[in-house]
Amino acid sequence: MTSFNDRERAEEAKFAMDENTAFRIAARRNRLLGEWAAKLMNLTPEETEAYKKAVVQADFEEAGDEDVIRKVLGDLTQAGCDVEEATVRAQLGESAVEARRQLMSES
């Protein structure tokens, strides 16, 4: 019985660690996407920091990535940047790869 309980606790710990890692990767990905968009919008360094935080916050509106894509695409359009949704989605994917790479290199 003890080994079953130990295995159950180990699985729960692994699940929690995986969820934490996924959250950290998503937050870093969103910051990287915000930084990319801020460059396109020619924001100042202070505005860029605030914008990156706003993109991370946007991810809490609904499940999935649509809220982040909608925010960034809307902001880019409002700023007069000629960027298509497919470009934002591609950059989101590239940012996810870079975020995972950065996080794993810190470990």
PDB file of N, CA and C in Angstrom:
ATOM      1  N   MET A   1       0.819  -1.196   0.000  1.00  0.00           N
ATOM      2  CA  MET A   1       0.000   0.000   0.000  1.00  0.00           C
ATOM      3  C   MET A   1       0.863   1.259   0.000  1.00  0.00           C
ATOM      4  N   THR A   2       1.973   1.207   0.688  1.00  0.00           N
ATOM      5  CA  THR A   2       2.854   2.368   0.753  1.00  0.00           C
ATOM      6  C   THR A   2       3.411   2.713  -0.620  1.00  0.00           C
ATOM      7  N   SER A   3       3.807   1.699  -1.400  1.00  0.00           N
ATOM      8  CA  SER A   3       4.365   1.988  -2.718  1.00  0.00           C
ATOM      9  C   SER A   3       3.309   2.607  -3.640  1.00  0.00           C
ATOM     10  N   PHE A   4       2.058   2.192  -3.495  1.00  0.00           N
ATOM     11  CA  PHE A   4       0.993   2.805  -4.287  1.00  0.00           C
ATOM     12  C   PHE A   4       0.834   4.276  -3.906  1.00  0.00           C
ATOM     13  N   ASN A   5       0.837   4.577  -2.621  1.00  0.00           N
ATOM     14  CA  ASN A   5       0.725   5.969  -2.156  1.00  0.00           C
ATOM     15  C   ASN A   5       1.922   6.791  -2.601  1.00  0.00           C
ATOM     16  N   ASP A   6       3.107   6.199  -2.535  1.00  0.00           N
ATOM     17  CA  ASP A   6       4.307   6.895  -2.993  1.00  0.00           C
ATOM     18  C   ASP A   6       4.218   7.201  -4.482  1.00  0.00           C
ATOM     19  N   ARG A   7       3.752   6.232  -5.254  1.00  0.00           N
ATOM     20  CA  ARG A   7       3.617   6.423  -6.697  1.00  0.00           C
ATOM     21  C   ARG A   7       2.583   7.510  -6.996  1.00  0.00           C
ATOM     22  N   GLU A   8       1.490   7.491  -6.243  1.00  0.00           N
ATOM     23  CA  GLU A   8       0.451   8.500  -6.441  1.00  0.00           C
ATOM     24  C   GLU A   8       0.987   9.899  -6.128  1.00  0.00           C
ATOM     25  N   ARG A   9       1.722  10.034  -5.042  1.00  0.00           N
ATOM     26  CA  ARG A   9       2.314  11.331  -4.689  1.00  0.00           C
ATOM     27  C   ARG A   9       3.325  11.777  -5.730  1.00  0.00           C
ATOM     28  N   ALA A  10       4.098  10.835  -6.253  1.00  0.00           N
ATOM     29  CA  ALA A  10       5.083  11.166  -7.283  1.00  0.00           C
ATOM     30  C   ALA A  10       4.390  11.653  -8.558  1.00  0.00           C
ATOM     31  N   GLU A  11       3.302  10.992  -8.934  1.00  0.00           N
ATOM     32  CA  GLU A  11       2.546  11.410 -10.121  1.00  0.00           C
ATOM     33  C   GLU A  11       1.943  12.788  -9.923  1.00  0.00           C
ATOM     34  N   GLU A  12       1.414  13.046  -8.730  1.00  0.00           N
ATOM     35  CA  GLU A  12       0.842  14.360  -8.439  1.00  0.00           C
ATOM     36  C   GLU A  12       1.915  15.438  -8.470  1.00  0.00           C
ATOM     37  N   ALA A  13       3.078  15.149  -7.931  1.00  0.00           N
ATOM     38  CA  ALA A  13       4.185  16.105  -7.937  1.00  0.00           C
ATOM     39  C   ALA A  13       4.642  16.380  -9.370  1.00  0.00           C
ATOM     40  N   LYS A  14       4.726  15.335 -10.183  1.00  0.00           N
ATOM     41  CA  LYS A  14       5.131  15.507 -11.583  1.00  0.00           C
ATOM     42  C   LYS A  14       4.110  16.348 -12.330  1.00  0.00           C
ATOM     43  N   PHE A  15       2.828  16.070 -12.114  1.00  0.00           N
ATOM     44  CA  PHE A  15       1.774  16.846 -12.765  1.00  0.00           C
ATOM     45  C   PHE A  15       1.893  18.317 -12.379  1.00  0.00           C
ATOM     46  N   ALA A  16       2.071  18.591 -11.103  1.00  0.00           N
ATOM     47  CA  ALA A  16       2.194  19.976 -10.628  1.00  0.00           C
ATOM     48  C   ALA A  16       3.412  20.652 -11.249  1.00  0.00           C
ATOM     49  N   MET A  17       4.514  19.933 -11.330  1.00  0.00           N
ATOM     50  CA  MET A  17       5.726  20.495 -11.919  1.00  0.00           C
ATOM     51  C   MET A  17       5.527  20.762 -13.410  1.00  0.00           C
ATOM     52  N   ASP A  18       4.880  19.846 -14.116  1.00  0.00           N
ATOM     53  CA  ASP A  18       4.611  20.036 -15.539  1.00  0.00           C
ATOM     54  C   ASP A  18       3.698  21.236 -15.777  1.00  0.00           C
ATOM     55  N   GLU A  19       2.683  21.386 -14.940  1.00  0.00           N
ATOM     56  CA  GLU A  19       1.775  22.525 -15.068  1.00  0.00           C
ATOM     57  C   GLU A  19       2.510  23.840 -14.801  1.00  0.00           C
ATOM     58  N   ASN A  20       3.360  23.856 -13.802  1.00  0.00           N
ATOM     59  CA  ASN A  20       4.139  25.045 -13.485  1.00  0.00           C
ATOM     60  C   ASN A  20       5.064  25.404 -14.646  1.00  0.00           C
ATOM     61  N   THR A  21       5.706  24.401 -15.213  1.00  0.00           N
ATOM     62  CA  THR A  21       6.604  24.634 -16.340  1.00  0.00           C
ATOM     63  C   THR A  21       5.831  25.180 -17.537  1.00  0.00           C
ATOM     64  N   ALA A  22       4.679  24.593 -17.826  1.00  0.00           N
ATOM     65  CA  ALA A  22       3.854  25.058 -18.945  1.00  0.00           C
ATOM     66  C   ALA A  22       3.414  26.509 -18.738  1.00  0.00           C
ATOM     67  N   PHE A  23       3.058  26.853 -17.507  1.00  0.00           N
ATOM     68  CA  PHE A  23       2.657  28.228 -17.199  1.00  0.00           C
ATOM     69  C   PHE A  23       3.826  29.193 -17.411  1.00  0.00           C
ATOM     70  N   ARG A  24       4.993  28.814 -16.940  1.00  0.00           N
ATOM     71  CA  ARG A  24       6.170  29.678 -17.078  1.00  0.00           C
ATOM     72  C   ARG A  24       6.560  29.858 -18.540  1.00  0.00           C
ATOM     73  N   ILE A  25       6.456  28.783 -19.325  1.00  0.00           N
ATOM     74  CA  ILE A  25       6.766  28.884 -20.750  1.00  0.00           C
ATOM     75  C   ILE A  25       5.772  29.809 -21.445  1.00  0.00           C
ATOM     76  N   ALA A  26       4.481  29.659 -21.137  1.00  0.00           N
ATOM     77  CA  ALA A  26       3.457  30.497 -21.762  1.00  0.00           C
ATOM     78  C   ALA A  26       3.657  31.970 -21.396  1.00  0.00           C
ATOM     79  N   ALA A  27       3.966  32.244 -20.152  1.00  0.00           N
ATOM     80  CA  ALA A  27       4.179  33.631 -19.732  1.00  0.00           C
ATOM     81  C   ALA A  27       5.400  34.231 -20.432  1.00  0.00           C
ATOM     82  N   ARG A  28       6.466  33.457 -20.517  1.00  0.00           N
ATOM     83  CA  ARG A  28       7.672  33.949 -21.197  1.00  0.00           C
ATOM     84  C   ARG A  28       7.407  34.120 -22.686  1.00  0.00           C
ATOM     85  N   ARG A  29       6.680  33.185 -23.274  1.00  0.00           N
ATOM     86  CA  ARG A  29       6.307  33.277 -24.695  1.00  0.00           C
ATOM     87  C   ARG A  29       5.536  34.563 -24.950  1.00  0.00           C
ATOM     88  N   ASN A  30       4.597  34.868 -24.078  1.00  0.00           N
ATOM     89  CA  ASN A  30       3.784  36.067 -24.248  1.00  0.00           C
ATOM     90  C   ASN A  30       4.615  37.334 -24.095  1.00  0.00           C
ATOM     91  N   ARG A  31       5.579  37.303 -23.184  1.00  0.00           N
ATOM     92  CA  ARG A  31       6.477  38.461 -23.029  1.00  0.00           C
ATOM     93  C   ARG A  31       7.308  38.655 -24.300  1.00  0.00           C
ATOM     94  N   LEU A  32       7.805  37.558 -24.854  1.00  0.00           N
ATOM     95  CA  LEU A  32       8.588  37.646 -26.091  1.00  0.00           C
ATOM     96  C   LEU A  32       7.738  38.156 -27.249  1.00  0.00           C
ATOM     97  N   LEU A  33       6.494  37.693 -27.329  1.00  0.00           N
ATOM     98  CA  LEU A  33       5.585  38.172 -28.372  1.00  0.00           C
ATOM     99  C   LEU A  33       5.304  39.660 -28.182  1.00  0.00           C
ATOM    100  N   GLY A  34       5.102  40.067 -26.939  1.00  0.00           N
ATOM    101  CA  GLY A  34       4.882  41.480 -26.649  1.00  0.00           C
ATOM    102  C   GLY A  34       6.081  42.327 -27.022  1.00  0.00           C
ATOM    103  N   GLU A  35       7.272  41.807 -26.782  1.00  0.00           N
ATOM    104  CA  GLU A  35       8.495  42.532 -27.148  1.00  0.00           C
ATOM    105  C   GLU A  35       8.586  42.688 -28.665  1.00  0.00           C
ATOM    106  N   TRP A  36       8.267  41.620 -29.390  1.00  0.00           N
ATOM    107  CA  TRP A  36       8.283  41.662 -30.858  1.00  0.00           C
ATOM    108  C   TRP A  36       7.298  42.713 -31.361  1.00  0.00           C
ATOM    109  N   ALA A  37       6.079  42.702 -30.825  1.00  0.00           N
ATOM    110  CA  ALA A  37       5.051  43.654 -31.252  1.00  0.00           C
ATOM    111  C   ALA A  37       5.444  45.080 -30.882  1.00  0.00           C
ATOM    112  N   ALA A  38       6.042  45.252 -29.723  1.00  0.00           N
ATOM    113  CA  ALA A  38       6.455  46.588 -29.281  1.00  0.00           C
ATOM    114  C   ALA A  38       7.495  47.180 -30.232  1.00  0.00           C
ATOM    115  N   LYS A  39       8.391  46.338 -30.721  1.00  0.00           N
ATOM    116  CA  LYS A  39       9.385  46.817 -31.701  1.00  0.00           C
ATOM    117  C   LYS A  39       8.693  47.291 -32.974  1.00  0.00           C
ATOM    118  N   LEU A  40       7.697  46.534 -33.428  1.00  0.00           N
ATOM    119  CA  LEU A  40       6.970  46.929 -34.633  1.00  0.00           C
ATOM    120  C   LEU A  40       6.229  48.247 -34.436  1.00  0.00           C
ATOM    121  N   MET A  41       5.769  48.487 -33.207  1.00  0.00           N
ATOM    122  CA  MET A  41       5.016  49.702 -32.905  1.00  0.00           C
ATOM    123  C   MET A  41       5.923  50.854 -32.482  1.00  0.00           C
ATOM    124  N   ASN A  42       7.239  50.605 -32.469  1.00  0.00           N
ATOM    125  CA  ASN A  42       8.221  51.634 -32.087  1.00  0.00           C
ATOM    126  C   ASN A  42       7.962  52.211 -30.696  1.00  0.00           C
ATOM    127  N   LEU A  43       7.692  51.351 -29.731  1.00  0.00           N
ATOM    128  CA  LEU A  43       7.453  51.801 -28.362  1.00  0.00           C
ATOM    129  C   LEU A  43       8.778  52.111 -27.671  1.00  0.00           C
ATOM    130  N   THR A  44       8.716  52.992 -26.705  1.00  0.00           N
ATOM    131  CA  THR A  44       9.900  53.307 -25.908  1.00  0.00           C
ATOM    132  C   THR A  44      10.206  52.118 -24.992  1.00  0.00           C
ATOM    133  N   PRO A  45      11.399  52.070 -24.400  1.00  0.00           N
ATOM    134  CA  PRO A  45      11.706  50.963 -23.475  1.00  0.00           C
ATOM    135  C   PRO A  45      10.697  50.853 -22.327  1.00  0.00           C
ATOM    136  N   GLU A  46      10.257  51.964 -21.783  1.00  0.00           N
ATOM    137  CA  GLU A  46       9.286  51.938 -20.693  1.00  0.00           C
ATOM    138  C   GLU A  46       7.935  51.423 -21.187  1.00  0.00           C
ATOM    139  N   GLU A  47       7.523  51.897 -22.356  1.00  0.00           N
ATOM    140  CA  GLU A  47       6.265  51.434 -22.938  1.00  0.00           C
ATOM    141  C   GLU A  47       6.343  49.946 -23.293  1.00  0.00           C
ATOM    142  N   THR A  48       7.521  49.514 -23.732  1.00  0.00           N
ATOM    143  CA  THR A  48       7.716  48.100 -24.085  1.00  0.00           C
ATOM    144  C   THR A  48       7.534  47.220 -22.856  1.00  0.00           C
ATOM    145  N   GLU A  49       8.115  47.607 -21.728  1.00  0.00           N
ATOM    146  CA  GLU A  49       7.966  46.822 -20.497  1.00  0.00           C
ATOM    147  C   GLU A  49       6.502  46.725 -20.087  1.00  0.00           C
ATOM    148  N   ALA A  50       5.806  47.840 -20.142  1.00  0.00           N
ATOM    149  CA  ALA A  50       4.383  47.840 -19.779  1.00  0.00           C
ATOM    150  C   ALA A  50       3.586  46.999 -20.763  1.00  0.00           C
ATOM    151  N   TYR A  51       3.928  47.069 -22.039  1.00  0.00           N
ATOM    152  CA  TYR A  51       3.194  46.317 -23.048  1.00  0.00           C
ATOM    153  C   TYR A  51       3.413  44.817 -22.888  1.00  0.00           C
ATOM    154  N   LYS A  52       4.632  44.408 -22.603  1.00  0.00           N
ATOM    155  CA  LYS A  52       4.907  42.983 -22.393  1.00  0.00           C
ATOM    156  C   LYS A  52       4.062  42.449 -21.242  1.00  0.00           C
ATOM    157  N   LYS A  53       3.949  43.216 -20.175  1.00  0.00           N
ATOM    158  CA  LYS A  53       3.118  42.805 -19.036  1.00  0.00           C
ATOM    159  C   LYS A  53       1.646  42.733 -19.433  1.00  0.00           C
ATOM    160  N   ALA A  54       1.204  43.663 -20.262  1.00  0.00           N
ATOM    161  CA  ALA A  54      -0.192  43.669 -20.704  1.00  0.00           C
ATOM    162  C   ALA A  54      -0.510  42.446 -21.562  1.00  0.00           C
ATOM    163  N   VAL A  55       0.452  42.017 -22.366  1.00  0.00           N
ATOM    164  CA  VAL A  55       0.242  40.823 -23.196  1.00  0.00           C
ATOM    165  C   VAL A  55       0.139  39.591 -22.301  1.00  0.00           C
ATOM    166  N   VAL A  56       0.991  39.502 -21.286  1.00  0.00           N
ATOM    167  CA  VAL A  56       0.908  38.379 -20.343  1.00  0.00           C
ATOM    168  C   VAL A  56      -0.455  38.395 -19.656  1.00  0.00           C
ATOM    169  N   GLN A  57      -0.906  39.555 -19.228  1.00  0.00           N
ATOM    170  CA  GLN A  57      -2.208  39.679 -18.557  1.00  0.00           C
ATOM    171  C   GLN A  57      -3.353  39.263 -19.480  1.00  0.00           C
ATOM    172  N   ALA A  58      -3.223  39.557 -20.763  1.00  0.00           N
ATOM    173  CA  ALA A  58      -4.281  39.228 -21.725  1.00  0.00           C
ATOM    174  C   ALA A  58      -4.528  37.727 -21.791  1.00  0.00           C
ATOM    175  N   ASP A  59      -3.517  36.942 -21.482  1.00  0.00           N
ATOM    176  CA  ASP A  59      -3.651  35.485 -21.567  1.00  0.00           C
ATOM    177  C   ASP A  59      -4.582  34.933 -20.493  1.00  0.00           C
ATOM    178  N   PHE A  60      -4.922  35.732 -19.490  1.00  0.00           N
ATOM    179  CA  PHE A  60      -5.793  35.267 -18.415  1.00  0.00           C
ATOM    180  C   PHE A  60      -7.273  35.497 -18.719  1.00  0.00           C
ATOM    181  N   GLU A  61      -7.585  36.112 -19.856  1.00  0.00           N
ATOM    182  CA  GLU A  61      -8.970  36.428 -20.190  1.00  0.00           C
ATOM    183  C   GLU A  61      -9.783  35.189 -20.535  1.00  0.00           C
ATOM    184  N   GLU A  62      -9.183  34.257 -21.268  1.00  0.00           N
ATOM    185  CA  GLU A  62      -9.882  33.031 -21.655  1.00  0.00           C
ATOM    186  C   GLU A  62      -8.858  31.937 -21.902  1.00  0.00           C
ATOM    187  N   ALA A  63      -9.321  30.716 -21.939  1.00  0.00           N
ATOM    188  CA  ALA A  63      -8.419  29.592 -22.189  1.00  0.00           C
ATOM    189  C   ALA A  63      -7.931  29.641 -23.632  1.00  0.00           C
ATOM    190  N   GLY A  64      -6.709  29.198 -23.839  1.00  0.00           N
ATOM    191  CA  GLY A  64      -6.141  29.171 -25.182  1.00  0.00           C
ATOM    192  C   GLY A  64      -5.385  30.437 -25.514  1.00  0.00           C
ATOM    193  N   ASP A  65      -4.979  30.526 -26.765  1.00  0.00           N
ATOM    194  CA  ASP A  65      -4.129  31.630 -27.210  1.00  0.00           C
ATOM    195  C   ASP A  65      -4.889  32.742 -27.927  1.00  0.00           C
ATOM    196  N   GLU A  66      -6.162  32.536 -28.182  1.00  0.00           N
ATOM    197  CA  GLU A  66      -6.913  33.499 -28.983  1.00  0.00           C
ATOM    198  C   GLU A  66      -6.946  34.886 -28.354  1.00  0.00           C
ATOM    199  N   ASP A  67      -7.011  34.965 -27.026  1.00  0.00           N
ATOM    200  CA  ASP A  67      -7.047  36.270 -26.368  1.00  0.00           C
ATOM    201  C   ASP A  67      -5.747  37.038 -26.585  1.00  0.00           C
ATOM    202  N   VAL A  68      -4.634  36.335 -26.562  1.00  0.00           N
ATOM    203  CA  VAL A  68      -3.327  36.974 -26.779  1.00  0.00           C
ATOM    204  C   VAL A  68      -3.210  37.428 -28.229  1.00  0.00           C
ATOM    205  N   ILE A  69      -3.579  36.555 -29.148  1.00  0.00           N
ATOM    206  CA  ILE A  69      -3.501  36.900 -30.567  1.00  0.00           C
ATOM    207  C   ILE A  69      -4.401  38.095 -30.873  1.00  0.00           C
ATOM    208  N   ARG A  70      -5.602  38.070 -30.337  1.00  0.00           N
ATOM    209  CA  ARG A  70      -6.554  39.161 -30.561  1.00  0.00           C
ATOM    210  C   ARG A  70      -5.994  40.486 -30.040  1.00  0.00           C
ATOM    211  N   LYS A  71      -5.396  40.467 -28.851  1.00  0.00           N
ATOM    212  CA  LYS A  71      -4.832  41.694 -28.276  1.00  0.00           C
ATOM    213  C   LYS A  71      -3.702  42.241 -29.132  1.00  0.00           C
ATOM    214  N   VAL A  72      -2.732  41.372 -29.434  1.00  0.00           N
ATOM    215  CA  VAL A  72      -1.556  41.830 -30.176  1.00  0.00           C
ATOM    216  C   VAL A  72      -1.957  42.291 -31.574  1.00  0.00           C
ATOM    217  N   LEU A  73      -2.773  41.531 -32.256  1.00  0.00           N
ATOM    218  CA  LEU A  73      -3.200  41.908 -33.603  1.00  0.00           C
ATOM    219  C   LEU A  73      -3.973  43.221 -33.577  1.00  0.00           C
ATOM    220  N   GLY A  74      -4.853  43.380 -32.604  1.00  0.00           N
ATOM    221  CA  GLY A  74      -5.613  44.630 -32.475  1.00  0.00           C
ATOM    222  C   GLY A  74      -4.715  45.819 -32.204  1.00  0.00           C
ATOM    223  N   ASP A  75      -3.746  45.629 -31.321  1.00  0.00           N
ATOM    224  CA  ASP A  75      -2.824  46.728 -30.996  1.00  0.00           C
ATOM    225  C   ASP A  75      -1.958  47.095 -32.192  1.00  0.00           C
ATOM    226  N   LEU A  76      -1.488  46.079 -32.914  1.00  0.00           N
ATOM    227  CA  LEU A  76      -0.665  46.352 -34.093  1.00  0.00           C
ATOM    228  C   LEU A  76      -1.480  47.074 -35.164  1.00  0.00           C
ATOM    229  N   THR A  77      -2.713  46.649 -35.359  1.00  0.00           N
ATOM    230  CA  THR A  77      -3.584  47.289 -36.349  1.00  0.00           C
ATOM    231  C   THR A  77      -3.858  48.733 -35.958  1.00  0.00           C
ATOM    232  N   GLN A  78      -4.155  48.942 -34.668  1.00  0.00           N
ATOM    233  CA  GLN A  78      -4.423  50.295 -34.178  1.00  0.00           C
ATOM    234  C   GLN A  78      -3.209  51.200 -34.326  1.00  0.00           C
ATOM    235  N   ALA A  79      -2.010  50.627 -34.211  1.00  0.00           N
ATOM    236  CA  ALA A  79      -0.782  51.413 -34.336  1.00  0.00           C
ATOM    237  C   ALA A  79      -0.403  51.647 -35.793  1.00  0.00           C
ATOM    238  N   GLY A  80      -1.199  51.101 -36.711  1.00  0.00           N
ATOM    239  CA  GLY A  80      -0.929  51.328 -38.125  1.00  0.00           C
ATOM    240  C   GLY A  80       0.080  50.364 -38.729  1.00  0.00           C
ATOM    241  N   CYS A  81       0.366  49.272 -38.033  1.00  0.00           N
ATOM    242  CA  CYS A  81       1.300  48.269 -38.552  1.00  0.00           C
ATOM    243  C   CYS A  81       0.527  47.316 -39.461  1.00  0.00           C
ATOM    244  N   ASP A  82       1.082  47.049 -40.627  1.00  0.00           N
ATOM    245  CA  ASP A  82       0.433  46.163 -41.582  1.00  0.00           C
ATOM    246  C   ASP A  82       0.903  44.731 -41.332  1.00  0.00           C
ATOM    247  N   VAL A  83       0.241  44.070 -40.366  1.00  0.00           N
ATOM    248  CA  VAL A  83       0.612  42.712 -39.975  1.00  0.00           C
ATOM    249  C   VAL A  83      -0.629  41.831 -40.055  1.00  0.00           C
ATOM    250  N   GLU A  84      -0.469  40.666 -40.647  1.00  0.00           N
ATOM    251  CA  GLU A  84      -1.589  39.741 -40.772  1.00  0.00           C
ATOM    252  C   GLU A  84      -1.655  38.815 -39.566  1.00  0.00           C
ATOM    253  N   GLU A  85      -2.829  38.247 -39.349  1.00  0.00           N
ATOM    254  CA  GLU A  85      -3.026  37.320 -38.232  1.00  0.00           C
ATOM    255  C   GLU A  85      -2.071  36.131 -38.326  1.00  0.00           C
ATOM    256  N   ALA A  86      -1.833  35.647 -39.536  1.00  0.00           N
ATOM    257  CA  ALA A  86      -0.932  34.508 -39.723  1.00  0.00           C
ATOM    258  C   ALA A  86       0.483  34.846 -39.252  1.00  0.00           C
ATOM    259  N   THR A  87       0.892  36.071 -39.435  1.00  0.00           N
ATOM    260  CA  THR A  87       2.219  36.508 -38.992  1.00  0.00           C
ATOM    261  C   THR A  87       2.299  36.506 -37.467  1.00  0.00           C
ATOM    262  N   VAL A  88       1.244  36.995 -36.819  1.00  0.00           N
ATOM    263  CA  VAL A  88       1.203  37.006 -35.354  1.00  0.00           C
ATOM    264  C   VAL A  88       1.216  35.571 -34.830  1.00  0.00           C
ATOM    265  N   ARG A  89       0.438  34.695 -35.455  1.00  0.00           N
ATOM    266  CA  ARG A  89       0.413  33.288 -35.029  1.00  0.00           C
ATOM    267  C   ARG A  89       1.780  32.625 -35.217  1.00  0.00           C
ATOM    268  N   ALA A  90       2.437  32.919 -36.327  1.00  0.00           N
ATOM    269  CA  ALA A  90       3.775  32.356 -36.571  1.00  0.00           C
ATOM    270  C   ALA A  90       4.755  32.860 -35.522  1.00  0.00           C
ATOM    271  N   GLN A  91       4.677  34.141 -35.206  1.00  0.00           N
ATOM    272  CA  GLN A  91       5.571  34.706 -34.194  1.00  0.00           C
ATOM    273  C   GLN A  91       5.284  34.124 -32.824  1.00  0.00           C
ATOM    274  N   LEU A  92       4.016  33.840 -32.532  1.00  0.00           N
ATOM    275  CA  LEU A  92       3.650  33.203 -31.270  1.00  0.00           C
ATOM    276  C   LEU A  92       4.323  31.830 -31.175  1.00  0.00           C
ATOM    277  N   GLY A  93       4.310  31.088 -32.271  1.00  0.00           N
ATOM    278  CA  GLY A  93       4.969  29.783 -32.297  1.00  0.00           C
ATOM    279  C   GLY A  93       6.468  29.892 -32.101  1.00  0.00           C
ATOM    280  N   GLU A  94       7.083  30.850 -32.780  1.00  0.00           N
ATOM    281  CA  GLU A  94       8.529  31.063 -32.624  1.00  0.00           C
ATOM    282  C   GLU A  94       8.863  31.493 -31.199  1.00  0.00           C
ATOM    283  N   SER A  95       8.017  32.323 -30.630  1.00  0.00           N
ATOM    284  CA  SER A  95       8.228  32.779 -29.255  1.00  0.00           C
ATOM    285  C   SER A  95       8.109  31.621 -28.272  1.00  0.00           C
ATOM    286  N   ALA A  96       7.212  30.683 -28.552  1.00  0.00           N
ATOM    287  CA  ALA A  96       7.052  29.507 -27.683  1.00  0.00           C
ATOM    288  C   ALA A  96       8.312  28.657 -27.700  1.00  0.00           C
ATOM    289  N   VAL A  97       8.887  28.461 -28.878  1.00  0.00           N
ATOM    290  CA  VAL A  97      10.122  27.678 -28.998  1.00  0.00           C
ATOM    291  C   VAL A  97      11.252  28.367 -28.241  1.00  0.00           C
ATOM    292  N   GLU A  98      11.372  29.674 -28.423  1.00  0.00           N
ATOM    293  CA  GLU A  98      12.424  30.430 -27.745  1.00  0.00           C
ATOM    294  C   GLU A  98      12.214  30.441 -26.231  1.00  0.00           C
ATOM    295  N   ALA A  99      10.964  30.571 -25.791  1.00  0.00           N
ATOM    296  CA  ALA A  99      10.674  30.569 -24.357  1.00  0.00           C
ATOM    297  C   ALA A  99      11.062  29.237 -23.729  1.00  0.00           C
ATOM    298  N   ARG A 100      10.730  28.139 -24.398  1.00  0.00           N
ATOM    299  CA  ARG A 100      11.094  26.805 -23.887  1.00  0.00           C
ATOM    300  C   ARG A 100      12.615  26.659 -23.830  1.00  0.00           C
ATOM    301  N   ARG A 101      13.283  27.128 -24.881  1.00  0.00           N
ATOM    302  CA  ARG A 101      14.746  27.035 -24.924  1.00  0.00           C
ATOM    303  C   ARG A 101      15.367  27.838 -23.765  1.00  0.00           C
ATOM    304  N   GLN A 102      14.881  29.050 -23.563  1.00  0.00           N
ATOM    305  CA  GLN A 102      15.403  29.878 -22.479  1.00  0.00           C
ATOM    306  C   GLN A 102      15.168  29.246 -21.119  1.00  0.00           C
ATOM    307  N   LEU A 103      13.981  28.742 -20.926  1.00  0.00           N
ATOM    308  CA  LEU A 103      13.637  28.146 -19.627  1.00  0.00           C
ATOM    309  C   LEU A 103      14.477  26.897 -19.354  1.00  0.00           C
ATOM    310  N   MET A 104      14.671  26.075 -20.364  1.00  0.00           N
ATOM    311  CA  MET A 104      15.445  24.848 -20.181  1.00  0.00           C
ATOM    312  C   MET A 104      16.928  25.150 -19.980  1.00  0.00           C
ATOM    313  N   SER A 105      17.422  26.233 -20.588  1.00  0.00           N
ATOM    314  CA  SER A 105      18.832  26.578 -20.409  1.00  0.00           C
ATOM    315  C   SER A 105      19.097  27.143 -19.010  1.00  0.00           C
ATOM    316  N   GLU A 106      18.048  27.661 -18.350  1.00  0.00           N
ATOM    317  CA  GLU A 106      18.198  28.157 -16.971  1.00  0.00           C
ATOM    318  C   GLU A 106      18.294  27.017 -15.967  1.00  0.00           C
ATOM    319  N   SER A 107      17.736  25.884 -16.316  1.00  0.00           N
ATOM    320  CA  SER A 107      17.686  24.754 -15.366  1.00  0.00           C
ATOM    321  C   SER A 107      19.015  24.093 -15.197  1.00  0.00           C
TER     322      SER A 107
END
